Amino acid sequence: KMLHERISRLEPFDRAIVLLWLEDIPYDEIAAIVGI
């Protein structure tokens, strides 16, 4: 609950990156998904 509360305070783009990272998705795949 505390983690969700903190993540929900991030900007949507950062929230997306951290969500993908928490899903154990490799950096190169995260990069392809978010476009950086």
PDB file of all heavy atoms in Angstrom:
ATOM      1  N   LYS A   1       0.831  -1.203   0.000  1.00  0.00           N
ATOM      2  CA  LYS A   1       0.000   0.000   0.000  1.00  0.00           C
ATOM      3  C   LYS A   1       0.868   1.257   0.000  1.00  0.00           C
ATOM      4  O   LYS A   1       0.603   2.206  -0.734  1.00  0.00           O
ATOM      5  CB  LYS A   1      -0.937  -0.016   1.213  1.00  0.00           C
ATOM      6  CG  LYS A   1      -1.995   1.047   1.171  1.00  0.00           C
ATOM      7  CD  LYS A   1      -3.006   0.841   2.279  1.00  0.00           C
ATOM      8  CE  LYS A   1      -4.125   1.847   2.131  1.00  0.00           C
ATOM      9  NZ  LYS A   1      -5.186   1.632   3.086  1.00  0.00           N
ATOM     10  N   MET A   2       1.928   1.240   0.807  1.00  0.00           N
ATOM     11  CA  MET A   2       2.836   2.383   0.856  1.00  0.00           C
ATOM     12  C   MET A   2       3.545   2.571  -0.492  1.00  0.00           C
ATOM     13  O   MET A   2       3.667   3.690  -0.984  1.00  0.00           O
ATOM     14  CB  MET A   2       3.885   2.188   1.958  1.00  0.00           C
ATOM     15  CG  MET A   2       4.793   3.384   2.145  1.00  0.00           C
ATOM     16  SD  MET A   2       5.931   3.211   3.531  1.00  0.00           S
ATOM     17  CE  MET A   2       7.060   1.992   2.880  1.00  0.00           C
ATOM     18  N   LEU A   3       3.979   1.474  -1.106  1.00  0.00           N
ATOM     19  CA  LEU A   3       4.641   1.551  -2.406  1.00  0.00           C
ATOM     20  C   LEU A   3       3.680   2.107  -3.459  1.00  0.00           C
ATOM     21  O   LEU A   3       4.043   2.993  -4.231  1.00  0.00           O
ATOM     22  CB  LEU A   3       5.160   0.180  -2.838  1.00  0.00           C
ATOM     23  CG  LEU A   3       5.868   0.123  -4.185  1.00  0.00           C
ATOM     24  CD1 LEU A   3       7.102   1.012  -4.188  1.00  0.00           C
ATOM     25  CD2 LEU A   3       6.245  -1.317  -4.526  1.00  0.00           C
ATOM     26  N   HIS A   4       2.460   1.607  -3.477  1.00  0.00           N
ATOM     27  CA  HIS A   4       1.477   2.102  -4.438  1.00  0.00           C
ATOM     28  C   HIS A   4       1.212   3.586  -4.225  1.00  0.00           C
ATOM     29  O   HIS A   4       1.130   4.356  -5.182  1.00  0.00           O
ATOM     30  CB  HIS A   4       0.168   1.316  -4.348  1.00  0.00           C
ATOM     31  CG  HIS A   4      -0.820   1.740  -5.386  1.00  0.00           C
ATOM     32  ND1 HIS A   4      -1.695   2.776  -5.179  1.00  0.00           N
ATOM     33  CD2 HIS A   4      -1.047   1.306  -6.639  1.00  0.00           C
ATOM     34  CE1 HIS A   4      -2.420   2.962  -6.256  1.00  0.00           C
ATOM     35  NE2 HIS A   4      -2.052   2.078  -7.161  1.00  0.00           N
ATOM     36  N   GLU A   5       1.106   4.004  -2.974  1.00  0.00           N
ATOM     37  CA  GLU A   5       0.864   5.414  -2.670  1.00  0.00           C
ATOM     38  C   GLU A   5       1.999   6.281  -3.214  1.00  0.00           C
ATOM     39  O   GLU A   5       1.758   7.319  -3.835  1.00  0.00           O
ATOM     40  CB  GLU A   5       0.733   5.608  -1.163  1.00  0.00           C
ATOM     41  CG  GLU A   5       0.492   7.048  -0.756  1.00  0.00           C
ATOM     42  CD  GLU A   5       0.395   7.188   0.747  1.00  0.00           C
ATOM     43  OE1 GLU A   5      -0.292   6.372   1.385  1.00  0.00           O
ATOM     44  OE2 GLU A   5       1.022   8.126   1.270  1.00  0.00           O
ATOM     45  N   ARG A   6       3.225   5.843  -3.010  1.00  0.00           N
ATOM     46  CA  ARG A   6       4.368   6.621  -3.493  1.00  0.00           C
ATOM     47  C   ARG A   6       4.432   6.621  -5.019  1.00  0.00           C
ATOM     48  O   ARG A   6       4.678   7.663  -5.623  1.00  0.00           O
ATOM     49  CB  ARG A   6       5.665   6.078  -2.906  1.00  0.00           C
ATOM     50  CG  ARG A   6       5.799   6.389  -1.436  1.00  0.00           C
ATOM     51  CD  ARG A   6       7.073   5.866  -0.867  1.00  0.00           C
ATOM     52  NE  ARG A   6       7.156   6.206   0.553  1.00  0.00           N
ATOM     53  CZ  ARG A   6       8.212   6.009   1.298  1.00  0.00           C
ATOM     54  NH1 ARG A   6       9.297   5.472   0.764  1.00  0.00           N
ATOM     55  NH2 ARG A   6       8.205   6.341   2.554  1.00  0.00           N
ATOM     56  N   ILE A   7       4.237   5.473  -5.628  1.00  0.00           N
ATOM     57  CA  ILE A   7       4.286   5.384  -7.091  1.00  0.00           C
ATOM     58  C   ILE A   7       3.186   6.240  -7.713  1.00  0.00           C
ATOM     59  O   ILE A   7       3.390   6.884  -8.735  1.00  0.00           O
ATOM     60  CB  ILE A   7       4.207   3.916  -7.564  1.00  0.00           C
ATOM     61  CG1 ILE A   7       5.496   3.179  -7.189  1.00  0.00           C
ATOM     62  CG2 ILE A   7       3.967   3.832  -9.068  1.00  0.00           C
ATOM     63  CD1 ILE A   7       5.450   1.676  -7.418  1.00  0.00           C
ATOM     64  N   SER A   8       2.020   6.272  -7.086  1.00  0.00           N
ATOM     65  CA  SER A   8       0.903   7.050  -7.641  1.00  0.00           C
ATOM     66  C   SER A   8       1.191   8.545  -7.638  1.00  0.00           C
ATOM     67  O   SER A   8       0.532   9.297  -8.355  1.00  0.00           O
ATOM     68  CB  SER A   8      -0.391   6.753  -6.885  1.00  0.00           C
ATOM     69  OG  SER A   8      -0.354   7.310  -5.592  1.00  0.00           O
ATOM     70  N   ARG A   9       2.189   8.991  -6.877  1.00  0.00           N
ATOM     71  CA  ARG A   9       2.544  10.407  -6.835  1.00  0.00           C
ATOM     72  C   ARG A   9       3.533  10.789  -7.940  1.00  0.00           C
ATOM     73  O   ARG A   9       3.812  11.966  -8.132  1.00  0.00           O
ATOM     74  CB  ARG A   9       3.121  10.746  -5.472  1.00  0.00           C
ATOM     75  CG  ARG A   9       2.044  10.641  -4.383  1.00  0.00           C
ATOM     76  CD  ARG A   9       2.626  10.409  -3.038  1.00  0.00           C
ATOM     77  NE  ARG A   9       2.798  11.626  -2.265  1.00  0.00           N
ATOM     78  CZ  ARG A   9       3.466  11.647  -1.128  1.00  0.00           C
ATOM     79  NH1 ARG A   9       4.025  10.571  -0.653  1.00  0.00           N
ATOM     80  NH2 ARG A   9       3.577  12.773  -0.457  1.00  0.00           N
ATOM     81  N   LEU A  10       4.057   9.796  -8.652  1.00  0.00           N
ATOM     82  CA  LEU A  10       4.978  10.066  -9.756  1.00  0.00           C
ATOM     83  C   LEU A  10       4.208  10.544 -10.982  1.00  0.00           C
ATOM     84  O   LEU A  10       3.017  10.288 -11.110  1.00  0.00           O
ATOM     85  CB  LEU A  10       5.753   8.790 -10.124  1.00  0.00           C
ATOM     86  CG  LEU A  10       6.693   8.202  -9.074  1.00  0.00           C
ATOM     87  CD1 LEU A  10       7.201   6.836  -9.543  1.00  0.00           C
ATOM     88  CD2 LEU A  10       7.850   9.149  -8.782  1.00  0.00           C
ATOM     89  N   GLU A  11       4.920  11.199 -11.875  1.00  0.00           N
ATOM     90  CA  GLU A  11       4.343  11.569 -13.165  1.00  0.00           C
ATOM     91  C   GLU A  11       4.024  10.291 -13.941  1.00  0.00           C
ATOM     92  O   GLU A  11       4.694   9.271 -13.750  1.00  0.00           O
ATOM     93  CB  GLU A  11       5.337  12.420 -13.963  1.00  0.00           C
ATOM     94  CG  GLU A  11       5.607  13.784 -13.347  1.00  0.00           C
ATOM     95  CD  GLU A  11       4.364  14.639 -13.273  1.00  0.00           C
ATOM     96  OE1 GLU A  11       3.587  14.657 -14.242  1.00  0.00           O
ATOM     97  OE2 GLU A  11       4.163  15.291 -12.231  1.00  0.00           O
ATOM     98  N   PRO A  12       3.027  10.312 -14.823  1.00  0.00           N
ATOM     99  CA  PRO A  12       2.622   9.100 -15.547  1.00  0.00           C
ATOM    100  C   PRO A  12       3.767   8.392 -16.278  1.00  0.00           C
ATOM    101  O   PRO A  12       3.853   7.166 -16.248  1.00  0.00           O
ATOM    102  CB  PRO A  12       1.571   9.606 -16.533  1.00  0.00           C
ATOM    103  CG  PRO A  12       0.988  10.798 -15.848  1.00  0.00           C
ATOM    104  CD  PRO A  12       2.137  11.435 -15.114  1.00  0.00           C
ATOM    105  N   PHE A  13       4.672   9.134 -16.901  1.00  0.00           N
ATOM    106  CA  PHE A  13       5.779   8.508 -17.638  1.00  0.00           C
ATOM    107  C   PHE A  13       6.707   7.754 -16.688  1.00  0.00           C
ATOM    108  O   PHE A  13       7.095   6.612 -16.950  1.00  0.00           O
ATOM    109  CB  PHE A  13       6.559   9.577 -18.424  1.00  0.00           C
ATOM    110  CG  PHE A  13       7.563   8.998 -19.371  1.00  0.00           C
ATOM    111  CD1 PHE A  13       7.159   8.425 -20.570  1.00  0.00           C
ATOM    112  CD2 PHE A  13       8.922   9.024 -19.074  1.00  0.00           C
ATOM    113  CE1 PHE A  13       8.083   7.884 -21.450  1.00  0.00           C
ATOM    114  CE2 PHE A  13       9.848   8.498 -19.948  1.00  0.00           C
ATOM    115  CZ  PHE A  13       9.432   7.922 -21.134  1.00  0.00           C
ATOM    116  N   ASP A  14       7.038   8.374 -15.551  1.00  0.00           N
ATOM    117  CA  ASP A  14       7.889   7.707 -14.560  1.00  0.00           C
ATOM    118  C   ASP A  14       7.169   6.519 -13.934  1.00  0.00           C
ATOM    119  O   ASP A  14       7.771   5.485 -13.644  1.00  0.00           O
ATOM    120  CB  ASP A  14       8.320   8.690 -13.475  1.00  0.00           C
ATOM    121  CG  ASP A  14       9.332   9.710 -13.977  1.00  0.00           C
ATOM    122  OD1 ASP A  14       9.914   9.490 -15.062  1.00  0.00           O
ATOM    123  OD2 ASP A  14       9.548  10.723 -13.275  1.00  0.00           O
ATOM    124  N   ARG A  15       5.870   6.666 -13.727  1.00  0.00           N
ATOM    125  CA  ARG A  15       5.060   5.572 -13.184  1.00  0.00           C
ATOM    126  C   ARG A  15       5.107   4.371 -14.128  1.00  0.00           C
ATOM    127  O   ARG A  15       5.239   3.223 -13.706  1.00  0.00           O
ATOM    128  CB  ARG A  15       3.620   6.061 -13.013  1.00  0.00           C
ATOM    129  CG  ARG A  15       2.818   5.239 -12.063  1.00  0.00           C
ATOM    130  CD  ARG A  15       1.420   5.762 -11.895  1.00  0.00           C
ATOM    131  NE  ARG A  15       1.375   7.201 -11.688  1.00  0.00           N
ATOM    132  CZ  ARG A  15       0.282   7.916 -11.809  1.00  0.00           C
ATOM    133  NH1 ARG A  15      -0.858   7.339 -12.139  1.00  0.00           N
ATOM    134  NH2 ARG A  15       0.294   9.210 -11.618  1.00  0.00           N
ATOM    135  N   ALA A  16       5.023   4.642 -15.420  1.00  0.00           N
ATOM    136  CA  ALA A  16       5.081   3.568 -16.417  1.00  0.00           C
ATOM    137  C   ALA A  16       6.425   2.856 -16.371  1.00  0.00           C
ATOM    138  O   ALA A  16       6.490   1.618 -16.387  1.00  0.00           O
ATOM    139  CB  ALA A  16       4.831   4.142 -17.809  1.00  0.00           C
ATOM    140  N   ILE A  17       7.508   3.615 -16.274  1.00  0.00           N
ATOM    141  CA  ILE A  17       8.848   3.014 -16.239  1.00  0.00           C
ATOM    142  C   ILE A  17       9.016   2.141 -15.002  1.00  0.00           C
ATOM    143  O   ILE A  17       9.504   1.015 -15.078  1.00  0.00           O
ATOM    144  CB  ILE A  17       9.933   4.105 -16.315  1.00  0.00           C
ATOM    145  CG1 ILE A  17       9.941   4.736 -17.706  1.00  0.00           C
ATOM    146  CG2 ILE A  17      11.310   3.526 -15.975  1.00  0.00           C
ATOM    147  CD1 ILE A  17      10.842   5.941 -17.849  1.00  0.00           C
ATOM    148  N   VAL A  18       8.604   2.653 -13.849  1.00  0.00           N
ATOM    149  CA  VAL A  18       8.780   1.872 -12.615  1.00  0.00           C
ATOM    150  C   VAL A  18       7.897   0.623 -12.631  1.00  0.00           C
ATOM    151  O   VAL A  18       8.302  -0.441 -12.159  1.00  0.00           O
ATOM    152  CB  VAL A  18       8.570   2.742 -11.351  1.00  0.00           C
ATOM    153  CG1 VAL A  18       7.128   2.946 -10.999  1.00  0.00           C
ATOM    154  CG2 VAL A  18       9.309   2.151 -10.168  1.00  0.00           C
ATOM    155  N   LEU A  19       6.716   0.718 -13.208  1.00  0.00           N
ATOM    156  CA  LEU A  19       5.846  -0.454 -13.309  1.00  0.00           C
ATOM    157  C   LEU A  19       6.512  -1.544 -14.146  1.00  0.00           C
ATOM    158  O   LEU A  19       6.546  -2.715 -13.760  1.00  0.00           O
ATOM    159  CB  LEU A  19       4.497  -0.083 -13.915  1.00  0.00           C
ATOM    160  CG  LEU A  19       3.570  -1.248 -14.242  1.00  0.00           C
ATOM    161  CD1 LEU A  19       3.165  -1.989 -12.981  1.00  0.00           C
ATOM    162  CD2 LEU A  19       2.343  -0.758 -14.975  1.00  0.00           C
ATOM    163  N   LEU A  20       7.070  -1.156 -15.281  1.00  0.00           N
ATOM    164  CA  LEU A  20       7.749  -2.129 -16.135  1.00  0.00           C
ATOM    165  C   LEU A  20       8.960  -2.723 -15.426  1.00  0.00           C
ATOM    166  O   LEU A  20       9.214  -3.931 -15.508  1.00  0.00           O
ATOM    167  CB  LEU A  20       8.167  -1.470 -17.456  1.00  0.00           C
ATOM    168  CG  LEU A  20       7.007  -1.042 -18.353  1.00  0.00           C
ATOM    169  CD1 LEU A  20       7.499  -0.119 -19.463  1.00  0.00           C
ATOM    170  CD2 LEU A  20       6.307  -2.254 -18.923  1.00  0.00           C
ATOM    171  N   TRP A  21       9.696  -1.891 -14.706  1.00  0.00           N
ATOM    172  CA  TRP A  21      10.864  -2.371 -13.960  1.00  0.00           C
ATOM    173  C   TRP A  21      10.429  -3.357 -12.874  1.00  0.00           C
ATOM    174  O   TRP A  21      11.074  -4.392 -12.673  1.00  0.00           O
ATOM    175  CB  TRP A  21      11.603  -1.169 -13.361  1.00  0.00           C
ATOM    176  CG  TRP A  21      12.789  -1.559 -12.545  1.00  0.00           C
ATOM    177  CD1 TRP A  21      14.002  -1.988 -12.988  1.00  0.00           C
ATOM    178  CD2 TRP A  21      12.863  -1.554 -11.119  1.00  0.00           C
ATOM    179  NE1 TRP A  21      14.823  -2.251 -11.930  1.00  0.00           N
ATOM    180  CE2 TRP A  21      14.144  -1.981 -10.757  1.00  0.00           C
ATOM    181  CE3 TRP A  21      11.968  -1.213 -10.112  1.00  0.00           C
ATOM    182  CZ2 TRP A  21      14.560  -2.092  -9.434  1.00  0.00           C
ATOM    183  CZ3 TRP A  21      12.380  -1.321  -8.806  1.00  0.00           C
ATOM    184  CH2 TRP A  21      13.661  -1.764  -8.476  1.00  0.00           C
ATOM    185  N   LEU A  22       9.337  -3.061 -12.189  1.00  0.00           N
ATOM    186  CA  LEU A  22       8.830  -3.976 -11.159  1.00  0.00           C
ATOM    187  C   LEU A  22       8.369  -5.310 -11.748  1.00  0.00           C
ATOM    188  O   LEU A  22       8.326  -6.315 -11.047  1.00  0.00           O
ATOM    189  CB  LEU A  22       7.679  -3.317 -10.385  1.00  0.00           C
ATOM    190  CG  LEU A  22       8.085  -2.211  -9.420  1.00  0.00           C
ATOM    191  CD1 LEU A  22       6.854  -1.484  -8.892  1.00  0.00           C
ATOM    192  CD2 LEU A  22       8.936  -2.747  -8.280  1.00  0.00           C
ATOM    193  N   GLU A  23       8.035  -5.309 -13.028  1.00  0.00           N
ATOM    194  CA  GLU A  23       7.640  -6.534 -13.727  1.00  0.00           C
ATOM    195  C   GLU A  23       8.858  -7.307 -14.240  1.00  0.00           C
ATOM    196  O   GLU A  23       8.720  -8.265 -14.983  1.00  0.00           O
ATOM    197  CB  GLU A  23       6.709  -6.199 -14.898  1.00  0.00           C
ATOM    198  CG  GLU A  23       5.371  -5.664 -14.491  1.00  0.00           C
ATOM    199  CD  GLU A  23       4.414  -6.745 -14.032  1.00  0.00           C
ATOM    200  OE1 GLU A  23       4.555  -7.899 -14.467  1.00  0.00           O
ATOM    201  OE2 GLU A  23       3.534  -6.427 -13.228  1.00  0.00           O
ATOM    202  N   ASP A  24      10.064  -6.852 -13.863  1.00  0.00           N
ATOM    203  CA  ASP A  24      11.325  -7.496 -14.280  1.00  0.00           C
ATOM    204  C   ASP A  24      11.537  -7.492 -15.783  1.00  0.00           C
ATOM    205  O   ASP A  24      12.112  -8.421 -16.349  1.00  0.00           O
ATOM    206  CB  ASP A  24      11.426  -8.933 -13.747  1.00  0.00           C
ATOM    207  CG  ASP A  24      11.635  -8.979 -12.247  1.00  0.00           C
ATOM    208  OD1 ASP A  24      12.296  -8.072 -11.712  1.00  0.00           O
ATOM    209  OD2 ASP A  24      11.138  -9.923 -11.610  1.00  0.00           O
ATOM    210  N   ILE A  25      11.094  -6.447 -16.426  1.00  0.00           N
ATOM    211  CA  ILE A  25      11.294  -6.317 -17.868  1.00  0.00           C
ATOM    212  C   ILE A  25      12.671  -5.680 -18.081  1.00  0.00           C
ATOM    213  O   ILE A  25      13.013  -4.701 -17.408  1.00  0.00           O
ATOM    214  CB  ILE A  25      10.168  -5.483 -18.501  1.00  0.00           C
ATOM    215  CG1 ILE A  25       8.863  -6.274 -18.350  1.00  0.00           C
ATOM    216  CG2 ILE A  25      10.469  -5.149 -19.950  1.00  0.00           C
ATOM    217  CD1 ILE A  25       7.654  -5.605 -18.878  1.00  0.00           C
ATOM    218  N   PRO A  26      13.474  -6.238 -18.975  1.00  0.00           N
ATOM    219  CA  PRO A  26      14.823  -5.700 -19.219  1.00  0.00           C
ATOM    220  C   PRO A  26      14.781  -4.252 -19.735  1.00  0.00           C
ATOM    221  O   PRO A  26      13.821  -3.843 -20.386  1.00  0.00           O
ATOM    222  CB  PRO A  26      15.400  -6.621 -20.300  1.00  0.00           C
ATOM    223  CG  PRO A  26      14.491  -7.788 -20.398  1.00  0.00           C
ATOM    224  CD  PRO A  26      13.175  -7.400 -19.807  1.00  0.00           C
ATOM    225  N   TYR A  27      15.853  -3.508 -19.448  1.00  0.00           N
ATOM    226  CA  TYR A  27      15.928  -2.100 -19.827  1.00  0.00           C
ATOM    227  C   TYR A  27      15.682  -1.889 -21.316  1.00  0.00           C
ATOM    228  O   TYR A  27      15.005  -0.943 -21.697  1.00  0.00           O
ATOM    229  CB  TYR A  27      17.293  -1.513 -19.463  1.00  0.00           C
ATOM    230  CG  TYR A  27      17.500  -1.211 -17.993  1.00  0.00           C
ATOM    231  CD1 TYR A  27      16.695  -1.767 -17.010  1.00  0.00           C
ATOM    232  CD2 TYR A  27      18.523  -0.369 -17.597  1.00  0.00           C
ATOM    233  CE1 TYR A  27      16.902  -1.494 -15.670  1.00  0.00           C
ATOM    234  CE2 TYR A  27      18.737  -0.086 -16.252  1.00  0.00           C
ATOM    235  CZ  TYR A  27      17.931  -0.643 -15.300  1.00  0.00           C
ATOM    236  OH  TYR A  27      18.125  -0.357 -13.978  1.00  0.00           O
ATOM    237  N   ASP A  28      16.242  -2.766 -22.163  1.00  0.00           N
ATOM    238  CA  ASP A  28      16.073  -2.558 -23.601  1.00  0.00           C
ATOM    239  C   ASP A  28      14.610  -2.718 -24.027  1.00  0.00           C
ATOM    240  O   ASP A  28      14.125  -2.015 -24.905  1.00  0.00           O
ATOM    241  CB  ASP A  28      16.990  -3.466 -24.422  1.00  0.00           C
ATOM    242  CG  ASP A  28      16.792  -4.941 -24.142  1.00  0.00           C
ATOM    243  OD1 ASP A  28      16.319  -5.300 -23.051  1.00  0.00           O
ATOM    244  OD2 ASP A  28      17.136  -5.748 -25.028  1.00  0.00           O
ATOM    245  N   GLU A  29      13.898  -3.628 -23.363  1.00  0.00           N
ATOM    246  CA  GLU A  29      12.478  -3.796 -23.678  1.00  0.00           C
ATOM    247  C   GLU A  29      11.653  -2.630 -23.123  1.00  0.00           C
ATOM    248  O   GLU A  29      10.725  -2.152 -23.778  1.00  0.00           O
ATOM    249  CB  GLU A  29      11.969  -5.125 -23.133  1.00  0.00           C
ATOM    250  CG  GLU A  29      10.659  -5.541 -23.736  1.00  0.00           C
ATOM    251  CD  GLU A  29      10.241  -6.966 -23.382  1.00  0.00           C
ATOM    252  OE1 GLU A  29      11.096  -7.790 -23.016  1.00  0.00           O
ATOM    253  OE2 GLU A  29       9.040  -7.244 -23.467  1.00  0.00           O
ATOM    254  N   ILE A  30      12.013  -2.159 -21.919  1.00  0.00           N
ATOM    255  CA  ILE A  30      11.344  -0.973 -21.362  1.00  0.00           C
ATOM    256  C   ILE A  30      11.549   0.194 -22.322  1.00  0.00           C
ATOM    257  O   ILE A  30      10.612   0.935 -22.632  1.00  0.00           O
ATOM    258  CB  ILE A  30      11.881  -0.618 -19.958  1.00  0.00           C
ATOM    259  CG1 ILE A  30      11.522  -1.714 -18.946  1.00  0.00           C
ATOM    260  CG2 ILE A  30      11.341   0.747 -19.497  1.00  0.00           C
ATOM    261  CD1 ILE A  30      12.172  -1.537 -17.577  1.00  0.00           C
ATOM    262  N   ALA A  31      12.774   0.338 -22.808  1.00  0.00           N
ATOM    263  CA  ALA A  31      13.098   1.419 -23.744  1.00  0.00           C
ATOM    264  C   ALA A  31      12.216   1.343 -24.991  1.00  0.00           C
ATOM    265  O   ALA A  31      11.698   2.363 -25.460  1.00  0.00           O
ATOM    266  CB  ALA A  31      14.573   1.351 -24.125  1.00  0.00           C
ATOM    267  N   ALA A  32      12.050   0.133 -25.523  1.00  0.00           N
ATOM    268  CA  ALA A  32      11.218  -0.035 -26.718  1.00  0.00           C
ATOM    269  C   ALA A  32       9.755   0.308 -26.429  1.00  0.00           C
ATOM    270  O   ALA A  32       9.073   0.898 -27.269  1.00  0.00           O
ATOM    271  CB  ALA A  32      11.332  -1.466 -27.236  1.00  0.00           C
ATOM    272  N   ILE A  33       9.289  -0.019 -25.248  1.00  0.00           N
ATOM    273  CA  ILE A  33       7.890   0.223 -24.889  1.00  0.00           C
ATOM    274  C   ILE A  33       7.613   1.718 -24.712  1.00  0.00           C
ATOM    275  O   ILE A  33       6.624   2.235 -25.209  1.00  0.00           O
ATOM    276  CB  ILE A  33       7.506  -0.553 -23.602  1.00  0.00           C
ATOM    277  CG1 ILE A  33       7.504  -2.055 -23.887  1.00  0.00           C
ATOM    278  CG2 ILE A  33       6.144  -0.094 -23.069  1.00  0.00           C
ATOM    279  CD1 ILE A  33       7.424  -2.925 -22.651  1.00  0.00           C
ATOM    280  N   VAL A  34       8.508   2.411 -23.998  1.00  0.00           N
ATOM    281  CA  VAL A  34       8.240   3.816 -23.687  1.00  0.00           C
ATOM    282  C   VAL A  34       8.855   4.791 -24.684  1.00  0.00           C
ATOM    283  O   VAL A  34       8.575   5.980 -24.647  1.00  0.00           O
ATOM    284  CB  VAL A  34       8.667   4.189 -22.242  1.00  0.00           C
ATOM    285  CG1 VAL A  34       7.896   3.374 -21.224  1.00  0.00           C
ATOM    286  CG2 VAL A  34      10.163   4.053 -22.044  1.00  0.00           C
ATOM    287  N   GLY A  35       9.709   4.300 -25.568  1.00  0.00           N
ATOM    288  CA  GLY A  35      10.234   5.140 -26.632  1.00  0.00           C
ATOM    289  C   GLY A  35      11.449   5.983 -26.279  1.00  0.00           C
ATOM    290  O   GLY A  35      11.601   7.094 -26.804  1.00  0.00           O
ATOM    291  N   ILE A  36      12.303   5.479 -25.367  1.00  0.00           N
ATOM    292  CA  ILE A  36      13.566   6.150 -25.053  1.00  0.00           C
ATOM    293  C   ILE A  36      14.674   5.108 -25.121  1.00  0.00           C
ATOM    294  O   ILE A  36      14.399   3.921 -25.292  1.00  0.00           O
ATOM    295  CB  ILE A  36      13.526   6.845 -23.664  1.00  0.00           C
ATOM    296  CG1 ILE A  36      13.286   5.829 -22.531  1.00  0.00           C
ATOM    297  CG2 ILE A  36      12.475   7.953 -23.639  1.00  0.00           C
ATOM    298  CD1 ILE A  36      13.346   6.423 -21.129  1.00  0.00           C
TER     299      ILE A  36
END
